[in-house]
Amino acid sequence: MSLASVDRMLASSGDYALCRQTIKQGSKSFYAASLTLPKAVREPAYGLYAFCRMSDDAVDGEGASVNAVTTLRERLDLACQGRPLPMAADRAMADLMQRYAIPKAIPEALFEGLEWDMQGRSYETLEDLYDYAARVAGTVGVMMTLLMNVRTPQALARACDLGIAMQLTNIARDVGEDARNGRLYLPRSWMREAGLDPQAFLDHPVMSGALQSVIERLLAQADELYLNARSGIAHLPLACRPAILAAGLIYAEIGRALEALSCDSISHRAHVPSRRKAQLLAKAAAATPWLTGAQHTDALEAASFLIESVLQTPAPSKPPSASLFRPFVNLETQFVRVLDIFERLERAEQLSKSR
């Protein structure tokens, strides 16, 4: 289904072009990987990314207002009514919610997670942390799945697993940066079990063997979710599978990079070199034909309300594009483009390090 084929579009092709520029400027690696998605999903995904990026910047960006979440909710209300503010991201989100029957509860849950950030909320247990990650990341997984015209409980559950796994990886990678900003996302009960005082750590964040054990434990939880999520990729349209598998592999690799640093995310920021991302993209393309969706596990309790909101919402009346259910015929061409982008990013990284 092309953007131009949809009746009553609430966003123009120019709006989607602006959203594309947002992702191209905000995350070159993510933009490169997105090129392996079929156009029928890639262009709507730019609109979704732009809206999520705008929301995050409104809450956590320079000049963020204490009323940011209230304003976001008002903007969402207008989008749901088909009267979005005259901004590309708002019009795109209104268009996507209408065309793909995205329940309002999904972006509302995202806003709730962002509000928890503003409140400086802490997380006592892993289950508490799952509640947060389901909101700020599981929601994105659900919305991406809907953009692929998939609404089955199993696919949605695994999409939440993948989003939550990515968020756990982010948390493990950013422990030092977050602590210096007065934030702590690690389960506090885990820290105390390891002999760490959470408040004392926040006051003076230093690396230790005890902290390493907590971060390793969090990465192990993320790895379980990455493995679980993999079975859900087989439930996605053929043309979408390589990009989603690659996203999981690349994010999981951040954990491997962090482990190579003895999980020291206080004085280091683990990252995956562009060359390695290209290798993982190739691995995903090769592995996609062998994926199986036989594994069946329940959704995480923290994500169940997201799935229920989708199941209670009538599916769109328009059928999905037939192109989604054929192998990605342009994958080889797009793969070459992506490799070229990653190669240029690699050269830029090396040049930056040599200065």
Protein backbone atom coordinates (compact mmCIF):
# COMPACT_ATOMS: atom_id res chain seq x y z
CA MET A 1 0.00 0.00 0.00
CA SER A 2 1.67 3.21 -1.14
CA LEU A 3 1.11 6.47 0.65
CA ALA A 4 -0.45 7.97 -2.44
CA SER A 5 -3.11 5.24 -2.64
CA VAL A 6 -4.81 6.02 0.66
CA ASP A 7 -8.03 8.05 0.77
CA ARG A 8 -8.35 11.01 3.13
CA MET A 9 -4.67 11.27 3.82
CA LEU A 10 -4.02 13.57 6.75
CA ALA A 11 -0.34 14.01 5.83
CA SER A 12 1.17 14.98 2.51
CA SER A 13 4.13 13.44 0.76
CA GLY A 14 6.01 16.56 1.82
CA ASP A 15 5.25 15.83 5.46
CA TYR A 16 6.67 12.34 5.11
CA ALA A 17 9.72 13.76 3.33
CA LEU A 18 10.35 16.03 6.32
CA CYS A 19 9.96 13.06 8.66
CA ARG A 20 12.50 11.20 6.56
CA GLN A 21 14.94 14.07 7.01
CA THR A 22 14.40 13.89 10.78
CA ILE A 23 15.61 10.32 10.95
CA LYS A 24 18.38 10.89 8.41
CA GLN A 25 19.81 13.71 10.52
CA GLY A 26 19.00 12.24 13.93
CA SER A 27 20.29 8.69 13.46
CA LYS A 28 22.33 7.89 10.38
CA SER A 29 22.75 4.25 11.34
CA PHE A 30 19.03 3.81 11.96
CA TYR A 31 18.29 5.54 8.68
CA ALA A 32 20.67 3.23 6.85
CA ALA A 33 19.10 0.12 8.37
CA SER A 34 15.61 1.40 7.53
CA LEU A 35 16.45 1.21 3.84
CA THR A 36 16.13 -2.56 4.03
CA LEU A 37 12.43 -2.19 4.86
CA PRO A 38 10.01 -2.27 1.89
CA LYS A 39 8.77 1.16 0.88
CA ALA A 40 5.23 0.33 2.03
CA VAL A 41 6.57 0.17 5.60
CA ARG A 42 9.65 2.37 5.40
CA GLU A 43 7.86 5.62 4.60
CA PRO A 44 5.22 5.26 7.35
CA ALA A 45 8.02 4.29 9.74
CA TYR A 46 9.67 7.65 9.11
CA GLY A 47 6.48 9.35 10.28
CA LEU A 48 6.35 7.20 13.39
CA TYR A 49 10.02 7.86 14.17
CA ALA A 50 9.57 11.61 13.75
CA PHE A 51 6.62 11.66 16.15
CA CYS A 52 8.43 9.56 18.76
CA ARG A 53 11.58 11.66 18.39
CA MET A 54 9.58 14.87 18.74
CA SER A 55 7.91 13.49 21.88
CA ASP A 56 11.21 12.48 23.46
CA ASP A 57 12.83 15.83 22.64
CA ALA A 58 9.85 17.71 24.10
CA VAL A 59 10.34 15.92 27.42
CA ASP A 60 14.10 15.45 27.56
CA GLY A 61 15.52 17.93 25.09
CA GLU A 62 16.98 21.40 25.55
CA GLY A 63 14.39 23.78 26.92
CA ALA A 64 11.94 21.02 27.88
CA SER A 65 8.88 22.32 29.73
CA VAL A 66 7.36 20.87 32.89
CA ASN A 67 4.08 20.85 30.96
CA ALA A 68 5.58 18.93 28.03
CA VAL A 69 3.59 15.73 28.54
CA THR A 70 0.33 17.65 28.94
CA THR A 71 1.04 19.41 25.66
CA LEU A 72 1.88 16.10 23.96
CA ARG A 73 -1.43 14.63 25.11
CA GLU A 74 -3.29 17.64 23.72
CA ARG A 75 -1.49 17.22 20.39
CA LEU A 76 -2.38 13.53 20.35
CA ASP A 77 -6.03 14.34 21.03
CA LEU A 78 -6.07 16.62 18.00
CA ALA A 79 -4.36 13.98 15.87
CA CYS A 80 -6.95 11.38 16.93
CA GLN A 81 -9.71 13.79 15.93
CA GLY A 82 -8.18 14.19 12.48
CA ARG A 83 -7.24 17.79 13.28
CA PRO A 84 -3.46 17.61 13.88
CA LEU A 85 -1.38 20.67 14.48
CA PRO A 86 0.25 22.01 11.28
CA MET A 87 3.49 20.12 11.88
CA ALA A 88 4.83 17.25 9.79
CA ALA A 89 5.20 14.83 12.71
CA ASP A 90 1.67 15.53 14.01
CA ARG A 91 0.07 15.18 10.60
CA ALA A 92 2.00 11.98 9.95
CA MET A 93 0.92 10.49 13.28
CA ALA A 94 -2.72 11.40 12.65
CA ASP A 95 -2.47 9.78 9.23
CA LEU A 96 -0.87 6.61 10.61
CA MET A 97 -3.38 6.22 13.43
CA GLN A 98 -6.22 6.43 10.93
CA ARG A 99 -4.75 4.20 8.23
CA TYR A 100 -3.34 1.48 10.50
CA ALA A 101 -5.93 1.62 13.31
CA ILE A 102 -3.33 2.41 15.98
CA PRO A 103 -5.17 2.59 19.32
CA LYS A 104 -4.78 5.88 21.14
CA ALA A 105 -3.74 3.88 24.22
CA ILE A 106 -0.40 3.01 22.59
CA PRO A 107 1.05 6.53 22.19
CA GLU A 108 -0.61 7.46 25.50
CA ALA A 109 1.43 4.72 27.16
CA LEU A 110 4.57 6.13 25.53
CA PHE A 111 3.77 9.53 27.03
CA GLU A 112 3.25 7.93 30.44
CA GLY A 113 6.75 6.45 30.27
CA LEU A 114 8.19 9.82 29.30
CA GLU A 115 6.32 11.36 32.21
CA TRP A 116 7.96 8.84 34.55
CA ASP A 117 11.30 10.10 33.27
CA MET A 118 10.37 13.66 34.12
CA GLN A 119 9.28 12.55 37.60
CA GLY A 120 12.62 10.84 38.21
CA ARG A 121 10.84 7.58 38.95
CA SER A 122 12.95 4.70 40.27
CA TYR A 123 12.49 0.97 39.75
CA GLU A 124 12.74 -1.45 42.64
CA THR A 125 12.43 -4.74 40.74
CA LEU A 126 12.93 -6.07 37.24
CA GLU A 127 9.15 -6.23 36.86
CA ASP A 128 8.95 -2.52 37.71
CA LEU A 129 11.57 -1.82 35.07
CA TYR A 130 9.59 -3.89 32.56
CA ASP A 131 6.60 -1.61 33.23
CA TYR A 132 8.71 1.37 32.21
CA ALA A 133 10.37 -0.31 29.22
CA ALA A 134 7.01 -1.53 27.89
CA ARG A 135 5.87 2.09 27.76
CA VAL A 136 8.89 3.78 26.22
CA ALA A 137 9.96 0.94 23.90
CA GLY A 138 7.36 -1.81 23.77
CA THR A 139 4.91 0.78 22.41
CA VAL A 140 7.22 1.47 19.47
CA GLY A 141 7.48 -2.25 18.73
CA VAL A 142 3.70 -2.55 18.72
CA MET A 143 3.23 0.44 16.42
CA MET A 144 5.89 -0.81 14.00
CA THR A 145 4.13 -4.18 13.87
CA LEU A 146 0.85 -2.45 13.02
CA LEU A 147 2.59 -0.56 10.20
CA MET A 148 3.37 -4.01 8.77
CA ASN A 149 -0.35 -4.82 8.93
CA VAL A 150 0.19 -7.55 11.53
CA ARG A 151 -2.09 -7.67 14.58
CA THR A 152 -1.79 -11.21 15.95
CA PRO A 153 -1.18 -11.61 19.70
CA GLN A 154 1.97 -13.66 19.19
CA ALA A 155 3.59 -11.16 16.82
CA LEU A 156 2.68 -8.25 19.10
CA ALA A 157 4.03 -10.05 22.18
CA ARG A 158 7.35 -10.69 20.48
CA ALA A 159 7.52 -7.08 19.21
CA CYS A 160 7.17 -5.96 22.83
CA ASP A 161 9.93 -8.38 23.83
CA LEU A 162 12.23 -6.84 21.23
CA GLY A 163 11.45 -3.26 22.24
CA ILE A 164 11.92 -4.03 25.94
CA ALA A 165 15.19 -5.88 25.25
CA MET A 166 16.48 -2.83 23.37
CA GLN A 167 15.55 -0.57 26.27
CA LEU A 168 17.35 -2.82 28.77
CA THR A 169 20.42 -2.62 26.53
CA ASN A 170 20.14 1.17 26.49
CA ILE A 171 19.92 1.25 30.27
CA ALA A 172 22.98 -0.98 30.67
CA ARG A 173 24.97 1.15 28.22
CA ASP A 174 23.98 4.48 29.78
CA VAL A 175 24.36 3.78 33.52
CA GLY A 176 27.08 6.39 33.97
CA GLU A 177 25.48 9.08 31.82
CA ASP A 178 22.13 8.59 33.51
CA ALA A 179 23.65 8.69 37.02
CA ARG A 180 25.45 11.93 36.25
CA ASN A 181 22.04 13.33 35.29
CA GLY A 182 20.51 12.13 38.54
CA ARG A 183 18.75 9.11 37.05
CA LEU A 184 19.00 5.45 37.96
CA TYR A 185 17.15 2.78 36.01
CA LEU A 186 18.87 -0.35 37.33
CA PRO A 187 16.61 -2.43 39.61
CA ARG A 188 17.44 -1.14 43.06
CA SER A 189 16.80 -4.50 44.71
CA TRP A 190 19.49 -6.00 42.47
CA MET A 191 21.92 -3.30 43.51
CA ARG A 192 21.34 -3.92 47.21
CA GLU A 193 21.73 -7.68 46.65
CA ALA A 194 25.13 -6.91 45.11
CA GLY A 195 26.10 -4.76 48.13
CA LEU A 196 25.48 -1.38 46.51
CA ASP A 197 23.57 1.51 48.06
CA PRO A 198 21.54 3.02 45.17
CA GLN A 199 21.51 6.55 46.58
CA ALA A 200 25.22 6.47 47.43
CA PHE A 201 25.91 5.32 43.88
CA LEU A 202 23.83 8.18 42.47
CA ASP A 203 25.72 10.64 44.63
CA HIS A 204 29.07 9.27 43.48
CA PRO A 205 28.82 6.96 40.45
CA VAL A 206 31.94 4.79 40.22
CA MET A 207 32.60 1.47 38.54
CA SER A 208 32.97 -1.60 40.73
CA GLY A 209 32.80 -5.37 40.57
CA ALA A 210 29.39 -5.21 42.22
CA LEU A 211 28.06 -2.85 39.58
CA GLN A 212 29.52 -5.05 36.86
CA SER A 213 27.51 -8.00 38.20
CA VAL A 214 24.28 -5.97 38.11
CA ILE A 215 24.88 -4.80 34.55
CA GLU A 216 25.77 -8.34 33.45
CA ARG A 217 22.53 -9.55 35.01
CA LEU A 218 20.54 -6.93 33.10
CA LEU A 219 22.22 -7.84 29.82
CA ALA A 220 21.39 -11.51 30.43
CA GLN A 221 17.72 -10.55 30.79
CA ALA A 222 17.92 -8.58 27.57
CA ASP A 223 19.49 -11.55 25.77
CA GLU A 224 16.60 -13.79 26.84
CA LEU A 225 14.15 -11.32 25.37
CA TYR A 226 16.15 -10.96 22.12
CA LEU A 227 16.04 -14.74 21.74
CA ASN A 228 12.32 -14.85 22.46
CA ALA A 229 11.64 -11.99 20.06
CA ARG A 230 13.37 -13.80 17.23
CA SER A 231 10.53 -16.33 16.94
CA GLY A 232 8.10 -13.49 16.35
CA ILE A 233 9.91 -12.27 13.24
CA ALA A 234 8.60 -15.30 11.35
CA HIS A 235 5.09 -13.90 11.91
CA LEU A 236 5.97 -10.72 10.00
CA PRO A 237 5.59 -10.24 6.24
CA LEU A 238 8.48 -11.73 4.28
CA ALA A 239 9.73 -8.39 3.02
CA CYS A 240 9.99 -6.96 6.54
CA ARG A 241 11.90 -9.76 8.25
CA PRO A 242 15.54 -8.93 7.32
CA ALA A 243 15.37 -5.38 8.71
CA ILE A 244 13.75 -6.39 12.01
CA LEU A 245 16.14 -9.28 12.57
CA ALA A 246 19.07 -6.96 11.81
CA ALA A 247 17.78 -4.40 14.32
CA GLY A 248 17.74 -7.04 17.05
CA LEU A 249 21.19 -8.35 16.18
CA ILE A 250 22.75 -4.88 16.07
CA TYR A 251 21.22 -3.83 19.38
CA ALA A 252 22.21 -7.07 21.10
CA GLU A 253 25.76 -6.42 19.89
CA ILE A 254 25.86 -3.30 22.06
CA GLY A 255 25.70 -5.69 24.98
CA ARG A 256 28.66 -7.64 23.63
CA ALA A 257 30.62 -4.40 23.19
CA LEU A 258 29.79 -3.45 26.79
CA GLU A 259 30.91 -6.86 28.06
CA ALA A 260 34.22 -6.34 26.25
CA LEU A 261 34.62 -3.25 28.45
CA SER A 262 33.96 -5.34 31.59
CA CYS A 263 30.53 -3.66 31.66
CA ASP A 264 32.14 -0.34 32.56
CA SER A 265 29.46 2.07 31.37
CA ILE A 266 30.61 4.67 33.87
CA SER A 267 33.74 5.78 32.06
CA HIS A 268 32.94 4.33 28.63
CA ARG A 269 30.05 4.32 26.20
CA ALA A 270 29.84 1.02 24.34
CA HIS A 271 29.08 1.25 20.64
CA VAL A 272 29.03 -1.00 17.62
CA PRO A 273 31.35 0.09 14.79
CA SER A 274 29.67 0.66 11.44
CA ARG A 275 31.66 -2.16 9.86
CA ARG A 276 30.28 -4.59 12.45
CA LYS A 277 26.75 -3.31 11.83
CA ALA A 278 27.19 -4.09 8.16
CA GLN A 279 28.33 -7.62 9.02
CA LEU A 280 25.28 -8.14 11.22
CA LEU A 281 23.01 -6.83 8.49
CA ALA A 282 24.49 -9.43 6.14
CA LYS A 283 24.00 -12.11 8.81
CA ALA A 284 20.35 -11.12 9.18
CA ALA A 285 19.74 -11.28 5.44
CA ALA A 286 21.25 -14.77 5.30
CA ALA A 287 19.36 -16.05 8.37
CA THR A 288 15.92 -14.70 7.51
CA PRO A 289 14.80 -17.65 5.32
CA TRP A 290 15.41 -20.07 8.18
CA LEU A 291 13.37 -18.30 10.84
CA THR A 292 10.59 -20.27 12.49
CA GLY A 293 7.67 -19.04 14.51
CA ALA A 294 6.98 -22.35 16.23
CA GLN A 295 7.85 -21.09 19.72
CA HIS A 296 4.83 -19.87 21.65
CA THR A 297 5.19 -18.01 24.92
CA ASP A 298 2.91 -15.62 26.74
CA ALA A 299 3.45 -11.89 26.56
CA LEU A 300 5.23 -10.20 29.43
CA GLU A 301 2.66 -9.06 31.96
CA ALA A 302 3.99 -5.51 31.66
CA ALA A 303 3.11 -5.46 27.95
CA SER A 304 -0.23 -7.26 28.02
CA PHE A 305 -2.28 -4.05 28.19
CA LEU A 306 -0.70 -2.85 24.93
CA ILE A 307 -1.65 -6.05 23.14
CA GLU A 308 -5.19 -5.97 24.53
CA SER A 309 -5.69 -2.43 23.27
CA VAL A 310 -4.82 -3.58 19.74
CA LEU A 311 -7.03 -6.67 19.89
CA GLN A 312 -9.97 -4.53 21.00
CA THR A 313 -9.51 -2.13 18.05
CA PRO A 314 -11.05 -3.08 14.68
CA ALA A 315 -8.45 -3.70 11.99
CA PRO A 316 -8.17 -1.27 9.06
CA SER A 317 -10.63 -1.87 6.24
CA LYS A 318 -7.99 -1.54 3.53
CA PRO A 319 -6.03 -4.73 2.79
CA PRO A 320 -2.24 -4.68 3.24
CA SER A 321 0.02 -4.29 0.24
CA ALA A 322 0.69 -7.57 -1.54
CA SER A 323 4.35 -6.52 -1.80
CA LEU A 324 4.78 -7.15 1.92
CA PHE A 325 4.19 -10.85 1.48
CA ARG A 326 6.76 -11.34 -1.25
CA PRO A 327 10.49 -11.55 -0.52
CA PHE A 328 12.06 -8.12 -0.58
CA VAL A 329 12.89 -8.10 -4.30
CA ASN A 330 15.12 -5.03 -4.03
CA LEU A 331 16.99 -6.29 -0.96
CA GLU A 332 20.26 -6.78 -2.82
CA THR A 333 20.16 -3.25 -4.26
CA GLN A 334 19.19 -1.73 -0.92
CA PHE A 335 21.77 -3.86 0.85
CA VAL A 336 24.51 -2.32 -1.32
CA ARG A 337 23.21 1.16 -0.45
CA VAL A 338 23.20 0.37 3.24
CA LEU A 339 26.71 -1.08 3.14
CA ASP A 340 27.89 2.08 1.39
CA ILE A 341 26.35 4.26 4.11
CA PHE A 342 27.88 2.14 6.86
CA GLU A 343 31.24 2.29 5.08
CA ARG A 344 31.09 6.09 4.99
CA LEU A 345 30.10 6.17 8.65
CA GLU A 346 33.04 3.90 9.45
CA ARG A 347 35.44 6.26 7.70
CA ALA A 348 33.93 9.22 9.57
CA GLU A 349 34.35 7.37 12.89
CA GLN A 350 37.99 6.58 12.14
CA LEU A 351 38.67 10.18 11.09
CA SER A 352 37.09 11.45 14.29
CA LYS A 353 39.27 9.14 16.39
CA SER A 354 42.45 10.22 14.60
CA ARG A 355 41.93 13.89 15.44
